[in-house]
C-alpha cells in the first residue's frame, strides 16, 4: 500500500467545507495560530481532493510553510504523500501535466524534506533540469494570475530556491551546478521588471550565490520596506504592477495577508532583524487582521472571484510570524 493510500486511511473523512475567501469575513476576536494551521490543513486537502493537482498558492505553499514552522499534522502527511505519489506514479505513467508542475513538486518536496534528501525529492529535482530550456529558463504557466502564474521569472526563481534549499548539499551536485549556471545566465538576460520578481531573487540569494549582488539586495530590501502602509501592512498589488483582467483598479493602498506576510518573511531572509520597527509593525498587523476562519484575506490581483492568493497569504503570514519569533520553535 502506498504512502498516499495510508494517509487517506488516516484521514478517511472529507476535509471540512471552507467558507469562501471574501473581503467581508469578520476579523477574529483573538489571534490563534492553531486556527490558521487548521485552515491551511483544510484548504490544502480540499484543493487536492477537488483539483487533483499541486499548485503554488495552496498545497505547495502549505508544505513549505508547515515544514519550516515545525508543523507536521496528519493533513501534512497526506499532502506530502500526494506529492510523492505524483512524482513516483503519475509521472511514470503519464508524465507531468506541465513543466511548471515539475518545478513546483521539486520545491514542495525539497522544502519539506527536513535534513535528509528523500529519493523522490532527488528524482523531482533531477527531472527539473531535464525540462529546463536551452536558454536556462523554464516554460511557465502564464494565466495572468500574478504573482505566481503570470511570467517565466517566477518559475526560474522557484527552481533556484528548490535546488538551494534542498538538504544534503544537493545544489553542489553536477546536475544542479550546471542547471544553476544556466539559470543565472537566463537571469542575466532577463532581469526582473517587478518588485515581486526582485524580492524572489532576494530570497533565493540567501541559498544560491550569483543571483543578486549585494547592491541589488540592499536596494530591494529598501524598496520593499518603503512600501509599508500606515497601518503596518503591505499590499500585494503594490509589488507588481499587474493589470486586472476585470478592468477594476488594484487596491495598492489596502494591506493584505500575502503582501504583508511575503514582505516580512523575505525581509527576515535578507537579514532584517525581527526587532526592526517596520517588521514589528508588520507582525502587529498580522496578529490583528486574522479572519474568523484562521486565514488572512488577499484579494486576487487578477479578478474578483475565488481569491486563492489568500491561501498563499496565510502560509506566508505563518512563515513571517515564525521568522519573527512569534510561533513555538
C-alpha atoms as a PDB file:
ATOM      1  CA  UNK A   1       0.000   0.000   0.000  1.00  0.00           C
ATOM      2  CA  UNK A   2       1.412   3.405  -0.985  1.00  0.00           C
ATOM      3  CA  UNK A   3       2.042   6.241   1.442  1.00  0.00           C
ATOM      4  CA  UNK A   4      -0.846   8.113  -0.130  1.00  0.00           C
ATOM      5  CA  UNK A   5      -3.231   5.214   0.497  1.00  0.00           C
ATOM      6  CA  UNK A   6      -2.108   5.010   4.110  1.00  0.00           C
ATOM      7  CA  UNK A   7      -2.601   8.736   4.521  1.00  0.00           C
ATOM      8  CA  UNK A   8      -6.129   8.546   3.123  1.00  0.00           C
ATOM      9  CA  UNK A   9      -6.943   5.744   5.561  1.00  0.00           C
ATOM     10  CA  UNK A  10      -5.792   8.019   8.380  1.00  0.00           C
ATOM     11  CA  UNK A  11      -7.940  10.827   7.028  1.00  0.00           C
ATOM     12  CA  UNK A  12     -10.996   8.997   5.792  1.00  0.00           C
ATOM     13  CA  UNK A  13     -13.346  11.915   6.251  1.00  0.00           C
ATOM     14  CA  UNK A  14     -13.613  14.615   3.636  1.00  0.00           C
ATOM     15  CA  UNK A  15     -11.979  17.923   4.552  1.00  0.00           C
ATOM     16  CA  UNK A  16     -14.457  20.350   6.065  1.00  0.00           C
ATOM     17  CA  UNK A  17     -16.122  22.837   3.779  1.00  0.00           C
ATOM     18  CA  UNK A  18     -14.326  26.170   3.803  1.00  0.00           C
ATOM     19  CA  UNK A  19     -16.138  29.486   3.791  1.00  0.00           C
ATOM     20  CA  UNK A  20     -15.203  31.408   0.630  1.00  0.00           C
ATOM     21  CA  UNK A  21     -12.242  33.788   0.623  1.00  0.00           C
ATOM     22  CA  UNK A  22     -14.063  37.075   0.909  1.00  0.00           C
ATOM     23  CA  UNK A  23     -13.188  40.604   1.946  1.00  0.00           C
ATOM     24  CA  UNK A  24     -16.082  40.955   4.373  1.00  0.00           C
ATOM     25  CA  UNK A  25     -15.213  37.912   6.514  1.00  0.00           C
ATOM     26  CA  UNK A  26     -15.107  39.182  10.117  1.00  0.00           C
ATOM     27  CA  UNK A  27     -11.823  39.681  11.918  1.00  0.00           C
ATOM     28  CA  UNK A  28     -11.149  37.009  14.559  1.00  0.00           C
ATOM     29  CA  UNK A  29     -11.918  38.045  18.116  1.00  0.00           C
ATOM     30  CA  UNK A  30      -8.471  36.872  19.153  1.00  0.00           C
ATOM     31  CA  UNK A  31      -5.404  35.711  17.282  1.00  0.00           C
ATOM     32  CA  UNK A  32      -4.976  31.920  17.007  1.00  0.00           C
ATOM     33  CA  UNK A  33      -2.078  30.074  15.376  1.00  0.00           C
ATOM     34  CA  UNK A  34      -3.962  26.804  15.702  1.00  0.00           C
ATOM     35  CA  UNK A  35      -6.912  28.134  13.723  1.00  0.00           C
ATOM     36  CA  UNK A  36      -4.658  29.313  10.887  1.00  0.00           C
ATOM     37  CA  UNK A  37      -2.965  25.917  10.747  1.00  0.00           C
ATOM     38  CA  UNK A  38      -6.339  24.174  10.655  1.00  0.00           C
ATOM     39  CA  UNK A  39      -7.408  26.464   7.812  1.00  0.00           C
ATOM     40  CA  UNK A  40      -4.342  25.541   5.758  1.00  0.00           C
ATOM     41  CA  UNK A  41      -4.854  21.845   6.554  1.00  0.00           C
ATOM     42  CA  UNK A  42      -8.378  22.016   5.186  1.00  0.00           C
ATOM     43  CA  UNK A  43      -7.601  24.288   2.229  1.00  0.00           C
ATOM     44  CA  UNK A  44      -4.786  22.044   1.023  1.00  0.00           C
ATOM     45  CA  UNK A  45      -6.724  18.794   1.454  1.00  0.00           C
ATOM     46  CA  UNK A  46      -9.750  20.351  -0.219  1.00  0.00           C
ATOM     47  CA  UNK A  47      -7.665  21.606  -3.151  1.00  0.00           C
ATOM     48  CA  UNK A  48      -6.012  18.306  -3.994  1.00  0.00           C
ATOM     49  CA  UNK A  49      -9.198  16.301  -3.433  1.00  0.00           C
ATOM     50  CA  UNK A  50     -11.182  18.562  -5.750  1.00  0.00           C
ATOM     51  CA  UNK A  51      -8.489  19.640  -8.244  1.00  0.00           C
ATOM     52  CA  UNK A  52      -6.075  16.689  -8.006  1.00  0.00           C
ATOM     53  CA  UNK A  53      -3.120  18.919  -8.723  1.00  0.00           C
ATOM     54  CA  UNK A  54      -0.220  20.628  -6.985  1.00  0.00           C
ATOM     55  CA  UNK A  55      -0.291  24.394  -7.047  1.00  0.00           C
ATOM     56  CA  UNK A  56       1.981  27.170  -5.792  1.00  0.00           C
ATOM     57  CA  UNK A  57      -0.709  29.107  -3.963  1.00  0.00           C
ATOM     58  CA  UNK A  58      -2.216  26.272  -1.913  1.00  0.00           C
ATOM     59  CA  UNK A  59      -0.730  22.821  -1.258  1.00  0.00           C
ATOM     60  CA  UNK A  60       2.883  23.611  -2.273  1.00  0.00           C
ATOM     61  CA  UNK A  61       2.892  26.723  -0.087  1.00  0.00           C
ATOM     62  CA  UNK A  62       1.325  24.634   2.681  1.00  0.00           C
ATOM     63  CA  UNK A  63       4.075  22.004   2.612  1.00  0.00           C
ATOM     64  CA  UNK A  64       6.831  24.599   2.677  1.00  0.00           C
ATOM     65  CA  UNK A  65       5.259  26.627   5.478  1.00  0.00           C
ATOM     66  CA  UNK A  66       4.315  23.592   7.541  1.00  0.00           C
ATOM     67  CA  UNK A  67       7.805  22.121   7.407  1.00  0.00           C
ATOM     68  CA  UNK A  68       9.562  25.394   8.195  1.00  0.00           C
ATOM     69  CA  UNK A  69       7.320  26.187  11.136  1.00  0.00           C
ATOM     70  CA  UNK A  70       7.605  22.668  12.520  1.00  0.00           C
ATOM     71  CA  UNK A  71       4.007  21.573  11.931  1.00  0.00           C
ATOM     72  CA  UNK A  72       3.603  18.059  10.530  1.00  0.00           C
ATOM     73  CA  UNK A  73      -0.047  17.181  11.084  1.00  0.00           C
ATOM     74  CA  UNK A  74      -1.899  14.225   9.597  1.00  0.00           C
ATOM     75  CA  UNK A  75      -3.065  16.560   6.841  1.00  0.00           C
ATOM     76  CA  UNK A  76       0.559  17.494   6.164  1.00  0.00           C
ATOM     77  CA  UNK A  77       1.389  13.782   5.790  1.00  0.00           C
ATOM     78  CA  UNK A  78      -1.463  13.389   3.317  1.00  0.00           C
ATOM     79  CA  UNK A  79      -0.446  16.365   1.192  1.00  0.00           C
ATOM     80  CA  UNK A  80       3.197  15.289   1.219  1.00  0.00           C
ATOM     81  CA  UNK A  81       2.152  11.749   0.203  1.00  0.00           C
ATOM     82  CA  UNK A  82       0.050  13.153  -2.649  1.00  0.00           C
ATOM     83  CA  UNK A  83       3.121  14.974  -3.945  1.00  0.00           C
ATOM     84  CA  UNK A  84       5.360  11.921  -3.609  1.00  0.00           C
ATOM     85  CA  UNK A  85       2.844   9.759  -5.484  1.00  0.00           C
ATOM     86  CA  UNK A  86       2.651  12.427  -8.182  1.00  0.00           C
ATOM     87  CA  UNK A  87       6.400  12.031  -8.793  1.00  0.00           C
ATOM     88  CA  UNK A  88       6.580   8.260  -8.385  1.00  0.00           C
ATOM     89  CA  UNK A  89       3.372   7.078 -10.020  1.00  0.00           C
ATOM     90  CA  UNK A  90       1.662   9.646 -12.227  1.00  0.00           C
ATOM     91  CA  UNK A  91       4.815  10.940 -13.864  1.00  0.00           C
ATOM     92  CA  UNK A  92       5.893   7.361 -14.584  1.00  0.00           C
ATOM     93  CA  UNK A  93       2.523   6.519 -16.126  1.00  0.00           C
ATOM     94  CA  UNK A  94       1.566   9.765 -17.867  1.00  0.00           C
ATOM     95  CA  UNK A  95       4.327  12.288 -17.368  1.00  0.00           C
ATOM     96  CA  UNK A  96       3.878  15.754 -15.833  1.00  0.00           C
ATOM     97  CA  UNK A  97       0.973  17.899 -16.973  1.00  0.00           C
ATOM     98  CA  UNK A  98       3.237  20.922 -17.421  1.00  0.00           C
ATOM     99  CA  UNK A  99       6.928  21.731 -16.956  1.00  0.00           C
ATOM    100  CA  UNK A 100       5.798  24.020 -14.139  1.00  0.00           C
ATOM    101  CA  UNK A 101       4.444  21.008 -12.241  1.00  0.00           C
ATOM    102  CA  UNK A 102       7.951  19.536 -12.095  1.00  0.00           C
ATOM    103  CA  UNK A 103       9.411  22.704 -10.575  1.00  0.00           C
ATOM    104  CA  UNK A 104       6.569  23.116  -8.078  1.00  0.00           C
ATOM    105  CA  UNK A 105       6.830  19.482  -6.960  1.00  0.00           C
ATOM    106  CA  UNK A 106      10.608  19.762  -6.584  1.00  0.00           C
ATOM    107  CA  UNK A 107      10.189  22.915  -4.497  1.00  0.00           C
ATOM    108  CA  UNK A 108       7.415  21.476  -2.316  1.00  0.00           C
ATOM    109  CA  UNK A 109       9.362  18.285  -1.597  1.00  0.00           C
ATOM    110  CA  UNK A 110      12.755  19.933  -1.141  1.00  0.00           C
ATOM    111  CA  UNK A 111      11.435  22.451   1.360  1.00  0.00           C
ATOM    112  CA  UNK A 112       9.522  19.810   3.334  1.00  0.00           C
ATOM    113  CA  UNK A 113      12.227  17.133   3.458  1.00  0.00           C
ATOM    114  CA  UNK A 114      13.840  18.210   6.695  1.00  0.00           C
ATOM    115  CA  UNK A 115      17.531  17.334   6.997  1.00  0.00           C
ATOM    116  CA  UNK A 116      17.568  14.272   4.725  1.00  0.00           C
ATOM    117  CA  UNK A 117      17.036  14.342   0.961  1.00  0.00           C
ATOM    118  CA  UNK A 118      14.234  11.924   0.082  1.00  0.00           C
ATOM    119  CA  UNK A 119      14.850   9.760  -3.037  1.00  0.00           C
ATOM    120  CA  UNK A 120      11.657  11.088  -4.645  1.00  0.00           C
ATOM    121  CA  UNK A 121      12.754  14.652  -3.940  1.00  0.00           C
ATOM    122  CA  UNK A 122      16.032  13.950  -5.717  1.00  0.00           C
ATOM    123  CA  UNK A 123      14.067  12.441  -8.592  1.00  0.00           C
ATOM    124  CA  UNK A 124      11.902  15.564  -8.890  1.00  0.00           C
ATOM    125  CA  UNK A 125      14.912  17.886  -8.641  1.00  0.00           C
ATOM    126  CA  UNK A 126      16.854  15.949 -11.248  1.00  0.00           C
ATOM    127  CA  UNK A 127      13.843  15.970 -13.562  1.00  0.00           C
ATOM    128  CA  UNK A 128      13.588  19.737 -13.087  1.00  0.00           C
ATOM    129  CA  UNK A 129      16.816  20.182 -15.056  1.00  0.00           C
ATOM    130  CA  UNK A 130      15.516  17.992 -17.911  1.00  0.00           C
ATOM    131  CA  UNK A 131      12.656  20.441 -18.554  1.00  0.00           C
ATOM    132  CA  UNK A 132      14.902  23.489 -18.296  1.00  0.00           C
ATOM    133  CA  UNK A 133      15.070  25.233 -21.662  1.00  0.00           C
ATOM    134  CA  UNK A 134      18.396  25.588 -23.501  1.00  0.00           C
ATOM    135  CA  UNK A 135      18.395  29.301 -22.624  1.00  0.00           C
ATOM    136  CA  UNK A 136      18.303  28.445 -18.891  1.00  0.00           C
ATOM    137  CA  UNK A 137      14.680  29.369 -18.189  1.00  0.00           C
ATOM    138  CA  UNK A 138      11.527  27.302 -17.762  1.00  0.00           C
ATOM    139  CA  UNK A 139       8.293  27.470 -19.741  1.00  0.00           C
ATOM    140  CA  UNK A 140       5.894  28.636 -17.062  1.00  0.00           C
ATOM    141  CA  UNK A 141       2.128  28.836 -16.806  1.00  0.00           C
ATOM    142  CA  UNK A 142       1.116  32.329 -17.864  1.00  0.00           C
ATOM    143  CA  UNK A 143      -2.573  32.558 -16.966  1.00  0.00           C
ATOM    144  CA  UNK A 144      -2.489  36.180 -15.768  1.00  0.00           C
ATOM    145  CA  UNK A 145      -2.747  35.017 -12.141  1.00  0.00           C
ATOM    146  CA  UNK A 146       0.052  37.033 -10.531  1.00  0.00           C
ATOM    147  CA  UNK A 147       2.365  36.765  -8.812  1.00  0.00           C
ATOM    148  CA  UNK A 148       2.710  33.024  -9.423  1.00  0.00           C
ATOM    149  CA  UNK A 149       1.175  32.052 -12.754  1.00  0.00           C
ATOM    150  CA  UNK A 150       1.989  35.083 -14.844  1.00  0.00           C
ATOM    151  CA  UNK A 151       5.622  35.034 -16.046  1.00  0.00           C
ATOM    152  CA  UNK A 152       8.674  32.832 -16.568  1.00  0.00           C
ATOM    153  CA  UNK A 153      10.631  34.744 -13.932  1.00  0.00           C
ATOM    154  CA  UNK A 154       8.671  33.136 -11.098  1.00  0.00           C
ATOM    155  CA  UNK A 155       9.466  29.658 -12.398  1.00  0.00           C
ATOM    156  CA  UNK A 156      13.179  30.377 -12.649  1.00  0.00           C
ATOM    157  CA  UNK A 157      13.446  31.725  -9.111  1.00  0.00           C
ATOM    158  CA  UNK A 158      11.311  28.905  -7.689  1.00  0.00           C
ATOM    159  CA  UNK A 159      13.615  26.369  -9.337  1.00  0.00           C
ATOM    160  CA  UNK A 160      16.656  28.118  -7.855  1.00  0.00           C
ATOM    161  CA  UNK A 161      15.005  28.068  -4.429  1.00  0.00           C
ATOM    162  CA  UNK A 162      14.181  24.368  -4.802  1.00  0.00           C
ATOM    163  CA  UNK A 163      17.798  23.494  -5.554  1.00  0.00           C
ATOM    164  CA  UNK A 164      19.261  25.867  -2.978  1.00  0.00           C
ATOM    165  CA  UNK A 165      17.001  24.771  -0.133  1.00  0.00           C
ATOM    166  CA  UNK A 166      17.236  21.038  -0.792  1.00  0.00           C
ATOM    167  CA  UNK A 167      19.060  19.224   2.023  1.00  0.00           C
ATOM    168  CA  UNK A 168      22.324  17.292   1.938  1.00  0.00           C
ATOM    169  CA  UNK A 169      24.059  19.769  -0.347  1.00  0.00           C
ATOM    170  CA  UNK A 170      22.008  18.896  -3.432  1.00  0.00           C
ATOM    171  CA  UNK A 171      22.873  22.270  -5.012  1.00  0.00           C
ATOM    172  CA  UNK A 172      26.516  21.147  -5.218  1.00  0.00           C
ATOM    173  CA  UNK A 173      25.755  18.109  -7.399  1.00  0.00           C
ATOM    174  CA  UNK A 174      26.916  18.289 -11.033  1.00  0.00           C
ATOM    175  CA  UNK A 175      23.358  18.374 -12.405  1.00  0.00           C
ATOM    176  CA  UNK A 176      22.358  21.200 -10.081  1.00  0.00           C
ATOM    177  CA  UNK A 177      25.536  23.171 -10.699  1.00  0.00           C
ATOM    178  CA  UNK A 178      25.005  23.062 -14.463  1.00  0.00           C
ATOM    179  CA  UNK A 179      21.319  23.901 -14.131  1.00  0.00           C
ATOM    180  CA  UNK A 180      22.031  26.816 -11.805  1.00  0.00           C
ATOM    181  CA  UNK A 181      24.717  28.096 -14.163  1.00  0.00           C
ATOM    182  CA  UNK A 182      22.187  28.160 -16.991  1.00  0.00           C
ATOM    183  CA  UNK A 183      19.559  29.763 -14.722  1.00  0.00           C
ATOM    184  CA  UNK A 184      21.976  32.577 -13.805  1.00  0.00           C
ATOM    185  CA  UNK A 185      22.668  33.132 -17.498  1.00  0.00           C
ATOM    186  CA  UNK A 186      18.919  33.384 -18.146  1.00  0.00           C
ATOM    187  CA  UNK A 187      18.515  35.875 -15.304  1.00  0.00           C
ATOM    188  CA  UNK A 188      21.357  37.994 -16.691  1.00  0.00           C
ATOM    189  CA  UNK A 189      19.485  38.287 -19.997  1.00  0.00           C
ATOM    190  CA  UNK A 190      16.045  38.631 -18.360  1.00  0.00           C
ATOM    191  CA  UNK A 191      16.396  40.998 -15.393  1.00  0.00           C
ATOM    192  CA  UNK A 192      13.396  41.424 -13.073  1.00  0.00           C
ATOM    193  CA  UNK A 193      10.889  44.106 -14.027  1.00  0.00           C
ATOM    194  CA  UNK A 194       8.621  43.947 -10.957  1.00  0.00           C
ATOM    195  CA  UNK A 195       9.412  44.361  -7.285  1.00  0.00           C
ATOM    196  CA  UNK A 196       7.966  40.921  -6.598  1.00  0.00           C
ATOM    197  CA  UNK A 197      10.443  39.369  -9.029  1.00  0.00           C
ATOM    198  CA  UNK A 198      13.265  41.261  -7.325  1.00  0.00           C
ATOM    199  CA  UNK A 199      12.026  40.066  -3.927  1.00  0.00           C
ATOM    200  CA  UNK A 200      12.056  36.449  -5.133  1.00  0.00           C
ATOM    201  CA  UNK A 201      15.684  36.904  -6.189  1.00  0.00           C
ATOM    202  CA  UNK A 202      16.471  38.480  -2.832  1.00  0.00           C
ATOM    203  CA  UNK A 203      15.025  35.409  -1.122  1.00  0.00           C
ATOM    204  CA  UNK A 204      16.828  32.989  -3.444  1.00  0.00           C
ATOM    205  CA  UNK A 205      20.139  34.785  -2.932  1.00  0.00           C
ATOM    206  CA  UNK A 206      20.192  33.535   0.652  1.00  0.00           C
ATOM    207  CA  UNK A 207      20.684  29.994  -0.665  1.00  0.00           C
ATOM    208  CA  UNK A 208      22.387  30.376  -4.048  1.00  0.00           C
ATOM    209  CA  UNK A 209      25.224  32.726  -4.898  1.00  0.00           C
ATOM    210  CA  UNK A 210      25.281  34.832  -8.027  1.00  0.00           C
ATOM    211  CA  UNK A 211      21.571  35.611  -8.424  1.00  0.00           C
ATOM    212  CA  UNK A 212      21.727  39.086  -6.846  1.00  0.00           C
ATOM    213  CA  UNK A 213      24.567  41.437  -5.982  1.00  0.00           C
ATOM    214  CA  UNK A 214      24.853  42.983  -2.539  1.00  0.00           C
ATOM    215  CA  UNK A 215      23.848  46.338  -4.014  1.00  0.00           C
ATOM    216  CA  UNK A 216      20.763  44.764  -5.597  1.00  0.00           C
ATOM    217  CA  UNK A 217      19.929  43.025  -2.337  1.00  0.00           C
ATOM    218  CA  UNK A 218      20.110  46.273  -0.379  1.00  0.00           C
ATOM    219  CA  UNK A 219      18.059  48.212  -2.911  1.00  0.00           C
ATOM    220  CA  UNK A 220      15.362  45.530  -2.956  1.00  0.00           C
ATOM    221  CA  UNK A 221      15.211  45.423   0.858  1.00  0.00           C
ATOM    222  CA  UNK A 222      14.855  49.207   0.973  1.00  0.00           C
ATOM    223  CA  UNK A 223      12.222  49.297  -1.765  1.00  0.00           C
ATOM    224  CA  UNK A 224      10.135  46.565  -0.107  1.00  0.00           C
ATOM    225  CA  UNK A 225      10.178  48.209   3.314  1.00  0.00           C
ATOM    226  CA  UNK A 226       9.409  51.623   1.821  1.00  0.00           C
ATOM    227  CA  UNK A 227       6.026  50.329   0.626  1.00  0.00           C
ATOM    228  CA  UNK A 228       4.754  49.723   4.159  1.00  0.00           C
ATOM    229  CA  UNK A 229       1.322  51.283   4.610  1.00  0.00           C
ATOM    230  CA  UNK A 230       0.330  53.464   7.581  1.00  0.00           C
ATOM    231  CA  UNK A 231      -1.474  50.564   9.302  1.00  0.00           C
ATOM    232  CA  UNK A 232       1.742  48.490   9.326  1.00  0.00           C
ATOM    233  CA  UNK A 233       0.918  46.107   6.472  1.00  0.00           C
ATOM    234  CA  UNK A 234       1.754  45.774   2.798  1.00  0.00           C
ATOM    235  CA  UNK A 235      -0.388  45.390  -0.303  1.00  0.00           C
ATOM    236  CA  UNK A 236       0.309  42.532  -2.735  1.00  0.00           C
ATOM    237  CA  UNK A 237      -0.615  44.599  -5.848  1.00  0.00           C
ATOM    238  CA  UNK A 238       2.000  47.210  -4.891  1.00  0.00           C
ATOM    239  CA  UNK A 239       4.641  44.556  -5.710  1.00  0.00           C
ATOM    240  CA  UNK A 240       3.504  44.443  -9.349  1.00  0.00           C
ATOM    241  CA  UNK A 241       2.359  46.390 -11.243  1.00  0.00           C
ATOM    242  CA  UNK A 242      -0.180  43.934 -12.598  1.00  0.00           C
ATOM    243  CA  UNK A 243      -3.248  44.716 -14.688  1.00  0.00           C
ATOM    244  CA  UNK A 244      -6.522  43.147 -13.632  1.00  0.00           C
ATOM    245  CA  UNK A 245      -8.444  41.204 -16.270  1.00  0.00           C
ATOM    246  CA  UNK A 246     -11.759  42.512 -14.915  1.00  0.00           C
ATOM    247  CA  UNK A 247     -10.772  46.137 -15.596  1.00  0.00           C
ATOM    248  CA  UNK A 248     -11.046  47.143 -11.935  1.00  0.00           C
ATOM    249  CA  UNK A 249      -8.435  49.091 -10.016  1.00  0.00           C
ATOM    250  CA  UNK A 250      -5.820  47.378  -7.889  1.00  0.00           C
ATOM    251  CA  UNK A 251      -6.015  48.098  -4.165  1.00  0.00           C
ATOM    252  CA  UNK A 252      -2.448  49.226  -3.615  1.00  0.00           C
ATOM    253  CA  UNK A 253      -3.404  51.216  -0.516  1.00  0.00           C
ATOM    254  CA  UNK A 254      -5.068  48.289   1.288  1.00  0.00           C
ATOM    255  CA  UNK A 255      -2.914  45.932   3.356  1.00  0.00           C
ATOM    256  CA  UNK A 256      -3.445  42.205   2.803  1.00  0.00           C
ATOM    257  CA  UNK A 257      -2.160  38.862   4.011  1.00  0.00           C
ATOM    258  CA  UNK A 258       0.054  37.978   1.078  1.00  0.00           C
ATOM    259  CA  UNK A 259       1.705  41.370   0.757  1.00  0.00           C
ATOM    260  CA  UNK A 260       2.405  41.625   4.486  1.00  0.00           C
ATOM    261  CA  UNK A 261       3.431  38.018   5.083  1.00  0.00           C
ATOM    262  CA  UNK A 262       5.624  37.842   1.980  1.00  0.00           C
ATOM    263  CA  UNK A 263       7.472  41.108   2.631  1.00  0.00           C
ATOM    264  CA  UNK A 264       8.079  40.436   6.330  1.00  0.00           C
ATOM    265  CA  UNK A 265       9.284  36.893   5.624  1.00  0.00           C
ATOM    266  CA  UNK A 266      11.585  37.868   2.742  1.00  0.00           C
ATOM    267  CA  UNK A 267      12.965  40.763   4.781  1.00  0.00           C
ATOM    268  CA  UNK A 268      13.904  38.318   7.536  1.00  0.00           C
ATOM    269  CA  UNK A 269      15.549  36.010   4.984  1.00  0.00           C
ATOM    270  CA  UNK A 270      17.535  39.027   3.804  1.00  0.00           C
ATOM    271  CA  UNK A 271      18.845  39.726   7.290  1.00  0.00           C
ATOM    272  CA  UNK A 272      16.484  42.438   8.541  1.00  0.00           C
ATOM    273  CA  UNK A 273      16.225  41.806  12.307  1.00  0.00           C
ATOM    274  CA  UNK A 274      12.888  40.932  13.878  1.00  0.00           C
ATOM    275  CA  UNK A 275      13.426  43.912  16.197  1.00  0.00           C
ATOM    276  CA  UNK A 276      13.230  46.331  13.261  1.00  0.00           C
ATOM    277  CA  UNK A 277      10.291  48.636  13.960  1.00  0.00           C
ATOM    278  CA  UNK A 278       8.886  48.134  10.477  1.00  0.00           C
ATOM    279  CA  UNK A 279       8.772  44.362  10.915  1.00  0.00           C
ATOM    280  CA  UNK A 280       7.321  44.721  14.391  1.00  0.00           C
ATOM    281  CA  UNK A 281       4.504  46.796  12.911  1.00  0.00           C
ATOM    282  CA  UNK A 282       4.019  44.160  10.203  1.00  0.00           C
ATOM    283  CA  UNK A 283       3.758  41.441  12.845  1.00  0.00           C
ATOM    284  CA  UNK A 284       1.251  43.552  14.779  1.00  0.00           C
ATOM    285  CA  UNK A 285      -0.842  43.937  11.613  1.00  0.00           C
ATOM    286  CA  UNK A 286      -0.817  40.173  11.024  1.00  0.00           C
ATOM    287  CA  UNK A 287      -1.869  39.379  14.574  1.00  0.00           C
ATOM    288  CA  UNK A 288      -4.674  41.947  14.401  1.00  0.00           C
ATOM    289  CA  UNK A 289      -6.028  41.047  10.945  1.00  0.00           C
ATOM    290  CA  UNK A 290      -6.553  37.296  11.066  1.00  0.00           C
ATOM    291  CA  UNK A 291     -10.074  36.360   9.957  1.00  0.00           C
ATOM    292  CA  UNK A 292     -12.517  34.117  11.831  1.00  0.00           C
ATOM    293  CA  UNK A 293     -11.651  31.158   9.597  1.00  0.00           C
ATOM    294  CA  UNK A 294      -7.969  31.462  10.536  1.00  0.00           C
ATOM    295  CA  UNK A 295      -6.875  32.793   7.155  1.00  0.00           C
ATOM    296  CA  UNK A 296      -5.507  36.174   6.117  1.00  0.00           C
ATOM    297  CA  UNK A 297      -7.524  37.572   3.228  1.00  0.00           C
ATOM    298  CA  UNK A 298      -5.854  38.696  -0.005  1.00  0.00           C
ATOM    299  CA  UNK A 299      -7.837  39.949  -2.955  1.00  0.00           C
ATOM    300  CA  UNK A 300      -6.861  38.362  -6.261  1.00  0.00           C
ATOM    301  CA  UNK A 301      -4.707  40.763  -8.335  1.00  0.00           C
ATOM    302  CA  UNK A 302      -6.372  39.350 -11.461  1.00  0.00           C
ATOM    303  CA  UNK A 303     -10.141  39.345 -10.946  1.00  0.00           C
ATOM    304  CA  UNK A 304     -12.665  39.075  -8.167  1.00  0.00           C
ATOM    305  CA  UNK A 305     -13.773  35.531  -7.510  1.00  0.00           C
ATOM    306  CA  UNK A 306     -12.136  32.761  -5.546  1.00  0.00           C
ATOM    307  CA  UNK A 307      -9.164  34.819  -4.221  1.00  0.00           C
ATOM    308  CA  UNK A 308      -6.934  31.771  -3.809  1.00  0.00           C
ATOM    309  CA  UNK A 309      -3.957  34.028  -3.106  1.00  0.00           C
ATOM    310  CA  UNK A 310      -5.428  34.120   0.416  1.00  0.00           C
ATOM    311  CA  UNK A 311      -4.092  30.570   0.847  1.00  0.00           C
ATOM    312  CA  UNK A 312      -0.526  31.583  -0.004  1.00  0.00           C
ATOM    313  CA  UNK A 313      -1.031  34.718   2.061  1.00  0.00           C
ATOM    314  CA  UNK A 314      -1.918  32.605   5.080  1.00  0.00           C
ATOM    315  CA  UNK A 315       1.134  30.387   4.544  1.00  0.00           C
ATOM    316  CA  UNK A 316       3.419  33.424   4.296  1.00  0.00           C
ATOM    317  CA  UNK A 317       1.782  35.005   7.333  1.00  0.00           C
ATOM    318  CA  UNK A 318       2.720  31.928   9.364  1.00  0.00           C
ATOM    319  CA  UNK A 319       6.241  31.946   7.909  1.00  0.00           C
ATOM    320  CA  UNK A 320       6.608  35.634   8.747  1.00  0.00           C
ATOM    321  CA  UNK A 321       5.392  35.174  12.306  1.00  0.00           C
ATOM    322  CA  UNK A 322       7.695  32.201  12.769  1.00  0.00           C
ATOM    323  CA  UNK A 323      10.670  34.092  11.341  1.00  0.00           C
ATOM    324  CA  UNK A 324       9.993  36.882  13.818  1.00  0.00           C
ATOM    325  CA  UNK A 325       9.847  34.532  16.806  1.00  0.00           C
ATOM    326  CA  UNK A 326       6.076  34.663  17.188  1.00  0.00           C
ATOM    327  CA  UNK A 327       5.439  30.904  16.941  1.00  0.00           C
ATOM    328  CA  UNK A 328       6.723  27.999  19.060  1.00  0.00           C
ATOM    329  CA  UNK A 329      10.005  26.598  17.743  1.00  0.00           C
END
